[in-house]
Structures are given as C-alpha cells and as structure tokens.
Amino acid sequence: MTRLRKNMKAVPVLRQWTTEQDGFLIEHADLAISELIQLLPYTEEEIKARKKVLGLLKRERQFRKIMTY
C-alpha cells in the first residue's frame, strides 16, 4: 500500500503506456501539449497524467524557477 502526501492525488491509469512512448514523452517533454496529442495516441488528460507520473511536471517547474533567477 502506498501513502500519498496530503497535497498529492492518485492519478488513475487510463491506458497502458509502452516504454518507447514513455521515452518519447521524456525526450520531447518540452513540446506543447497540442503537439504531443498529434504525435502520441493519447488525450490531453492522459498525457498530463503520464507527465505527472514520470515527474516531468515537477521537473518543468524546477527548470522554470532556475531560469527566473
């Protein structure tokens, strides 16, 4: 059983992602969601959920924070 922090919500897995698709998303995380929707067979919600699972949203926020200094 996993514990979640109070501010974290469980993200439901909508469809299975392959390792190749995860790799593509990691390599192209800087693309806009609209572009990722065209390149991957997933909806906007599924892509955002997968980015969250992979830690890409947090990484993006940290990078933006560094760039503002």
PDB file of N, CA and C in Angstrom:
ATOM      1  N   MET A   1       0.850  -1.187   0.000  1.00  0.00           N
ATOM      2  CA  MET A   1       0.000   0.000   0.000  1.00  0.00           C
ATOM      3  C   MET A   1       0.886   1.237   0.000  1.00  0.00           C
ATOM      4  N   THR A   2       0.601   2.149  -0.885  1.00  0.00           N
ATOM      5  CA  THR A   2       1.405   3.362  -0.945  1.00  0.00           C
ATOM      6  C   THR A   2       0.709   4.485  -0.211  1.00  0.00           C
ATOM      7  N   ARG A   3       1.515   5.339   0.353  1.00  0.00           N
ATOM      8  CA  ARG A   3       0.982   6.506   1.041  1.00  0.00           C
ATOM      9  C   ARG A   3       1.166   7.719   0.148  1.00  0.00           C
ATOM     10  N   LEU A   4       0.186   8.570   0.184  1.00  0.00           N
ATOM     11  CA  LEU A   4       0.253   9.799  -0.593  1.00  0.00           C
ATOM     12  C   LEU A   4       0.301  10.980   0.353  1.00  0.00           C
ATOM     13  N   ARG A   5       1.037  11.982  -0.024  1.00  0.00           N
ATOM     14  CA  ARG A   5       1.024  13.216   0.755  1.00  0.00           C
ATOM     15  C   ARG A   5      -0.354  13.847   0.637  1.00  0.00           C
ATOM     16  N   LYS A   6      -0.660  14.711   1.562  1.00  0.00           N
ATOM     17  CA  LYS A   6      -1.981  15.338   1.553  1.00  0.00           C
ATOM     18  C   LYS A   6      -2.250  16.109   0.273  1.00  0.00           C
ATOM     19  N   ASN A   7      -1.222  16.755  -0.264  1.00  0.00           N
ATOM     20  CA  ASN A   7      -1.437  17.579  -1.455  1.00  0.00           C
ATOM     21  C   ASN A   7      -1.362  16.787  -2.756  1.00  0.00           C
ATOM     22  N   MET A   8      -1.015  15.518  -2.680  1.00  0.00           N
ATOM     23  CA  MET A   8      -0.921  14.695  -3.880  1.00  0.00           C
ATOM     24  C   MET A   8      -2.188  13.872  -4.041  1.00  0.00           C
ATOM     25  N   LYS A   9      -2.626  13.735  -5.263  1.00  0.00           N
ATOM     26  CA  LYS A   9      -3.805  12.933  -5.554  1.00  0.00           C
ATOM     27  C   LYS A   9      -3.382  11.737  -6.388  1.00  0.00           C
ATOM     28  N   ALA A  10      -4.057  10.643  -6.199  1.00  0.00           N
ATOM     29  CA  ALA A  10      -3.788   9.461  -7.003  1.00  0.00           C
ATOM     30  C   ALA A  10      -4.233   9.736  -8.434  1.00  0.00           C
ATOM     31  N   VAL A  11      -3.400   9.356  -9.375  1.00  0.00           N
ATOM     32  CA  VAL A  11      -3.706   9.571 -10.784  1.00  0.00           C
ATOM     33  C   VAL A  11      -4.165   8.241 -11.372  1.00  0.00           C
ATOM     34  N   PRO A  12      -5.384   8.164 -11.843  1.00  0.00           N
ATOM     35  CA  PRO A  12      -5.858   6.898 -12.405  1.00  0.00           C
ATOM     36  C   PRO A  12      -5.147   6.586 -13.723  1.00  0.00           C
ATOM     37  N   VAL A  13      -4.812   5.342 -13.912  1.00  0.00           N
ATOM     38  CA  VAL A  13      -4.177   4.914 -15.155  1.00  0.00           C
ATOM     39  C   VAL A  13      -5.289   4.657 -16.160  1.00  0.00           C
ATOM     40  N   LEU A  14      -5.322   5.455 -17.202  1.00  0.00           N
ATOM     41  CA  LEU A  14      -6.390   5.342 -18.182  1.00  0.00           C
ATOM     42  C   LEU A  14      -6.064   4.305 -19.251  1.00  0.00           C
ATOM     43  N   ARG A  15      -4.857   4.326 -19.757  1.00  0.00           N
ATOM     44  CA  ARG A  15      -4.409   3.348 -20.751  1.00  0.00           C
ATOM     45  C   ARG A  15      -2.956   3.011 -20.486  1.00  0.00           C
ATOM     46  N   GLN A  16      -2.544   1.870 -20.942  1.00  0.00           N
ATOM     47  CA  GLN A  16      -1.174   1.410 -20.744  1.00  0.00           C
ATOM     48  C   GLN A  16      -0.225   2.141 -21.695  1.00  0.00           C
ATOM     49  N   TRP A  17       0.910   2.583 -21.159  1.00  0.00           N
ATOM     50  CA  TRP A  17       1.943   3.233 -21.958  1.00  0.00           C
ATOM     51  C   TRP A  17       3.094   2.255 -22.151  1.00  0.00           C
ATOM     52  N   THR A  18       3.680   2.253 -23.345  1.00  0.00           N
ATOM     53  CA  THR A  18       4.846   1.408 -23.591  1.00  0.00           C
ATOM     54  C   THR A  18       6.105   2.152 -23.158  1.00  0.00           C
ATOM     55  N   THR A  19       7.184   1.426 -23.029  1.00  0.00           N
ATOM     56  CA  THR A  19       8.466   2.021 -22.669  1.00  0.00           C
ATOM     57  C   THR A  19       8.906   3.019 -23.737  1.00  0.00           C
ATOM     58  N   GLU A  20       8.658   2.682 -24.996  1.00  0.00           N
ATOM     59  CA  GLU A  20       9.029   3.576 -26.090  1.00  0.00           C
ATOM     60  C   GLU A  20       8.247   4.886 -26.027  1.00  0.00           C
ATOM     61  N   GLN A  21       6.964   4.801 -25.703  1.00  0.00           N
ATOM     62  CA  GLN A  21       6.149   6.009 -25.598  1.00  0.00           C
ATOM     63  C   GLN A  21       6.588   6.860 -24.410  1.00  0.00           C
ATOM     64  N   ASP A  22       6.928   6.203 -23.296  1.00  0.00           N
ATOM     65  CA  ASP A  22       7.455   6.939 -22.144  1.00  0.00           C
ATOM     66  C   ASP A  22       8.748   7.653 -22.523  1.00  0.00           C
ATOM     67  N   GLY A  23       9.627   6.951 -23.224  1.00  0.00           N
ATOM     68  CA  GLY A  23      10.887   7.547 -23.658  1.00  0.00           C
ATOM     69  C   GLY A  23      10.663   8.731 -24.580  1.00  0.00           C
ATOM     70  N   PHE A  24       9.725   8.584 -25.502  1.00  0.00           N
ATOM     71  CA  PHE A  24       9.400   9.684 -26.415  1.00  0.00           C
ATOM     72  C   PHE A  24       8.894  10.888 -25.632  1.00  0.00           C
ATOM     73  N   LEU A  25       8.016  10.638 -24.658  1.00  0.00           N
ATOM     74  CA  LEU A  25       7.464  11.735 -23.861  1.00  0.00           C
ATOM     75  C   LEU A  25       8.556  12.417 -23.051  1.00  0.00           C
ATOM     76  N   ILE A  26       9.470  11.651 -22.498  1.00  0.00           N
ATOM     77  CA  ILE A  26      10.576  12.224 -21.722  1.00  0.00           C
ATOM     78  C   ILE A  26      11.469  13.077 -22.621  1.00  0.00           C
ATOM     79  N   GLU A  27      11.805  12.554 -23.798  1.00  0.00           N
ATOM     80  CA  GLU A  27      12.687  13.277 -24.716  1.00  0.00           C
ATOM     81  C   GLU A  27      12.033  14.533 -25.293  1.00  0.00           C
ATOM     82  N   HIS A  28      10.719  14.515 -25.430  1.00  0.00           N
ATOM     83  CA  HIS A  28      10.007  15.630 -26.055  1.00  0.00           C
ATOM     84  C   HIS A  28       9.077  16.335 -25.070  1.00  0.00           C
ATOM     85  N   ALA A  29       9.437  16.326 -23.808  1.00  0.00           N
ATOM     86  CA  ALA A  29       8.599  16.928 -22.765  1.00  0.00           C
ATOM     87  C   ALA A  29       8.450  18.434 -22.941  1.00  0.00           C
ATOM     88  N   ASP A  30       9.369  19.040 -23.675  1.00  0.00           N
ATOM     89  CA  ASP A  30       9.309  20.490 -23.865  1.00  0.00           C
ATOM     90  C   ASP A  30       8.309  20.911 -24.944  1.00  0.00           C
ATOM     91  N   LEU A  31       7.778  19.957 -25.699  1.00  0.00           N
ATOM     92  CA  LEU A  31       6.778  20.280 -26.719  1.00  0.00           C
ATOM     93  C   LEU A  31       5.460  20.673 -26.065  1.00  0.00           C
ATOM     94  N   ALA A  32       4.684  21.452 -26.766  1.00  0.00           N
ATOM     95  CA  ALA A  32       3.358  21.839 -26.277  1.00  0.00           C
ATOM     96  C   ALA A  32       2.442  20.616 -26.265  1.00  0.00           C
ATOM     97  N   ILE A  33       1.463  20.648 -25.382  1.00  0.00           N
ATOM     98  CA  ILE A  33       0.512  19.537 -25.278  1.00  0.00           C
ATOM     99  C   ILE A  33      -0.175  19.283 -26.617  1.00  0.00           C
ATOM    100  N   SER A  34      -0.511  20.338 -27.332  1.00  0.00           N
ATOM    101  CA  SER A  34      -1.188  20.173 -28.628  1.00  0.00           C
ATOM    102  C   SER A  34      -0.322  19.386 -29.617  1.00  0.00           C
ATOM    103  N   GLU A  35       0.980  19.608 -29.578  1.00  0.00           N
ATOM    104  CA  GLU A  35       1.884  18.863 -30.457  1.00  0.00           C
ATOM    105  C   GLU A  35       1.998  17.411 -30.014  1.00  0.00           C
ATOM    106  N   LEU A  36       2.059  17.186 -28.699  1.00  0.00           N
ATOM    107  CA  LEU A  36       2.152  15.821 -28.183  1.00  0.00           C
ATOM    108  C   LEU A  36       0.898  15.018 -28.510  1.00  0.00           C
ATOM    109  N   ILE A  37      -0.258  15.674 -28.493  1.00  0.00           N
ATOM    110  CA  ILE A  37      -1.514  14.994 -28.834  1.00  0.00           C
ATOM    111  C   ILE A  37      -1.467  14.493 -30.273  1.00  0.00           C
ATOM    112  N   GLN A  38      -0.861  15.276 -31.166  1.00  0.00           N
ATOM    113  CA  GLN A  38      -0.755  14.870 -32.568  1.00  0.00           C
ATOM    114  C   GLN A  38       0.236  13.724 -32.750  1.00  0.00           C
ATOM    115  N   LEU A  39       1.270  13.674 -31.913  1.00  0.00           N
ATOM    116  CA  LEU A  39       2.327  12.683 -32.073  1.00  0.00           C
ATOM    117  C   LEU A  39       2.085  11.391 -31.296  1.00  0.00           C
ATOM    118  N   LEU A  40       1.279  11.458 -30.248  1.00  0.00           N
ATOM    119  CA  LEU A  40       1.017  10.286 -29.412  1.00  0.00           C
ATOM    120  C   LEU A  40      -0.471   9.933 -29.463  1.00  0.00           C
ATOM    121  N   PRO A  41      -0.807   8.662 -29.329  1.00  0.00           N
ATOM    122  CA  PRO A  41      -2.220   8.253 -29.409  1.00  0.00           C
ATOM    123  C   PRO A  41      -2.966   8.401 -28.082  1.00  0.00           C
ATOM    124  N   TYR A  42      -2.821   9.559 -27.429  1.00  0.00           N
ATOM    125  CA  TYR A  42      -3.443   9.769 -26.125  1.00  0.00           C
ATOM    126  C   TYR A  42      -4.114  11.130 -26.076  1.00  0.00           C
ATOM    127  N   THR A  43      -5.029  11.285 -25.124  1.00  0.00           N
ATOM    128  CA  THR A  43      -5.721  12.557 -24.935  1.00  0.00           C
ATOM    129  C   THR A  43      -4.858  13.493 -24.098  1.00  0.00           C
ATOM    130  N   GLU A  44      -5.286  14.739 -24.021  1.00  0.00           N
ATOM    131  CA  GLU A  44      -4.565  15.738 -23.232  1.00  0.00           C
ATOM    132  C   GLU A  44      -4.482  15.313 -21.768  1.00  0.00           C
ATOM    133  N   GLU A  45      -5.581  14.813 -21.225  1.00  0.00           N
ATOM    134  CA  GLU A  45      -5.608  14.394 -19.824  1.00  0.00           C
ATOM    135  C   GLU A  45      -4.657  13.231 -19.571  1.00  0.00           C
ATOM    136  N   GLU A  46      -4.617  12.280 -20.510  1.00  0.00           N
ATOM    137  CA  GLU A  46      -3.732  11.126 -20.362  1.00  0.00           C
ATOM    138  C   GLU A  46      -2.263  11.541 -20.420  1.00  0.00           C
ATOM    139  N   ILE A  47      -1.943  12.471 -21.305  1.00  0.00           N
ATOM    140  CA  ILE A  47      -0.559  12.943 -21.422  1.00  0.00           C
ATOM    141  C   ILE A  47      -0.154  13.695 -20.166  1.00  0.00           C
ATOM    142  N   LYS A  48      -1.026  14.566 -19.671  1.00  0.00           N
ATOM    143  CA  LYS A  48      -0.716  15.303 -18.445  1.00  0.00           C
ATOM    144  C   LYS A  48      -0.556  14.360 -17.265  1.00  0.00           C
ATOM    145  N   ALA A  49      -1.418  13.355 -17.181  1.00  0.00           N
ATOM    146  CA  ALA A  49      -1.333  12.385 -16.089  1.00  0.00           C
ATOM    147  C   ALA A  49      -0.025  11.602 -16.170  1.00  0.00           C
ATOM    148  N   ARG A  50       0.373  11.224 -17.376  1.00  0.00           N
ATOM    149  CA  ARG A  50       1.615  10.456 -17.529  1.00  0.00           C
ATOM    150  C   ARG A  50       2.830  11.321 -17.221  1.00  0.00           C
ATOM    151  N   LYS A  51       2.796  12.588 -17.616  1.00  0.00           N
ATOM    152  CA  LYS A  51       3.891  13.507 -17.291  1.00  0.00           C
ATOM    153  C   LYS A  51       4.027  13.636 -15.777  1.00  0.00           C
ATOM    154  N   LYS A  52       2.899  13.654 -15.093  1.00  0.00           N
ATOM    155  CA  LYS A  52       2.929  13.748 -13.635  1.00  0.00           C
ATOM    156  C   LYS A  52       3.527  12.478 -13.029  1.00  0.00           C
ATOM    157  N   VAL A  53       3.123  11.325 -13.537  1.00  0.00           N
ATOM    158  CA  VAL A  53       3.652  10.053 -13.042  1.00  0.00           C
ATOM    159  C   VAL A  53       5.161   9.981 -13.249  1.00  0.00           C
ATOM    160  N   LEU A  54       5.636  10.459 -14.385  1.00  0.00           N
ATOM    161  CA  LEU A  54       7.064  10.409 -14.701  1.00  0.00           C
ATOM    162  C   LEU A  54       7.868  11.523 -14.036  1.00  0.00           C
ATOM    163  N   GLY A  55       7.195  12.440 -13.367  1.00  0.00           N
ATOM    164  CA  GLY A  55       7.886  13.528 -12.685  1.00  0.00           C
ATOM    165  C   GLY A  55       8.285  14.668 -13.595  1.00  0.00           C
ATOM    166  N   LEU A  56       7.710  14.713 -14.777  1.00  0.00           N
ATOM    167  CA  LEU A  56       8.090  15.742 -15.742  1.00  0.00           C
ATOM    168  C   LEU A  56       7.491  17.101 -15.419  1.00  0.00           C
ATOM    169  N   LEU A  57       6.335  17.128 -14.776  1.00  0.00           N
ATOM    170  CA  LEU A  57       5.722  18.410 -14.419  1.00  0.00           C
ATOM    171  C   LEU A  57       6.541  19.101 -13.340  1.00  0.00           C
ATOM    172  N   LYS A  58       6.987  18.333 -12.361  1.00  0.00           N
ATOM    173  CA  LYS A  58       7.809  18.891 -11.284  1.00  0.00           C
ATOM    174  C   LYS A  58       9.143  19.381 -11.848  1.00  0.00           C
ATOM    175  N   ARG A  59       9.718  18.599 -12.737  1.00  0.00           N
ATOM    176  CA  ARG A  59      10.987  18.970 -13.372  1.00  0.00           C
ATOM    177  C   ARG A  59      10.835  20.268 -14.154  1.00  0.00           C
ATOM    178  N   GLU A  60       9.708  20.404 -14.853  1.00  0.00           N
ATOM    179  CA  GLU A  60       9.434  21.612 -15.635  1.00  0.00           C
ATOM    180  C   GLU A  60       9.332  22.838 -14.728  1.00  0.00           C
ATOM    181  N   ARG A  61       8.638  22.693 -13.603  1.00  0.00           N
ATOM    182  CA  ARG A  61       8.512  23.801 -12.647  1.00  0.00           C
ATOM    183  C   ARG A  61       9.870  24.185 -12.078  1.00  0.00           C
ATOM    184  N   GLN A  62      10.680  23.181 -11.731  1.00  0.00           N
ATOM    185  CA  GLN A  62      12.006  23.456 -11.181  1.00  0.00           C
ATOM    186  C   GLN A  62      12.873  24.175 -12.203  1.00  0.00           C
ATOM    187  N   PHE A  63      12.795  23.757 -13.451  1.00  0.00           N
ATOM    188  CA  PHE A  63      13.580  24.381 -14.506  1.00  0.00           C
ATOM    189  C   PHE A  63      13.163  25.835 -14.702  1.00  0.00           C
ATOM    190  N   ARG A  64      11.844  26.090 -14.707  1.00  0.00           N
ATOM    191  CA  ARG A  64      11.361  27.466 -14.853  1.00  0.00           C
ATOM    192  C   ARG A  64      11.827  28.332 -13.693  1.00  0.00           C
ATOM    193  N   LYS A  65      11.854  27.766 -12.498  1.00  0.00           N
ATOM    194  CA  LYS A  65      12.294  28.501 -11.315  1.00  0.00           C
ATOM    195  C   LYS A  65      13.766  28.886 -11.440  1.00  0.00           C
ATOM    196  N   ILE A  66      14.582  27.972 -11.929  1.00  0.00           N
ATOM    197  CA  ILE A  66      16.008  28.245 -12.119  1.00  0.00           C
ATOM    198  C   ILE A  66      16.204  29.335 -13.170  1.00  0.00           C
ATOM    199  N   MET A  67      15.415  29.285 -14.234  1.00  0.00           N
ATOM    200  CA  MET A  67      15.566  30.243 -15.326  1.00  0.00           C
ATOM    201  C   MET A  67      15.147  31.656 -14.930  1.00  0.00           C
ATOM    202  N   THR A  68      14.361  31.810 -13.876  1.00  0.00           N
ATOM    203  CA  THR A  68      13.929  33.147 -13.465  1.00  0.00           C
ATOM    204  C   THR A  68      14.970  33.847 -12.604  1.00  0.00           C
ATOM    205  N   TYR A  69      15.956  33.114 -12.114  1.00  0.00           N
ATOM    206  CA  TYR A  69      16.999  33.730 -11.283  1.00  0.00           C
ATOM    207  C   TYR A  69      18.048  34.413 -12.108  1.00  0.00           C
TER     208      TYR A  69
END
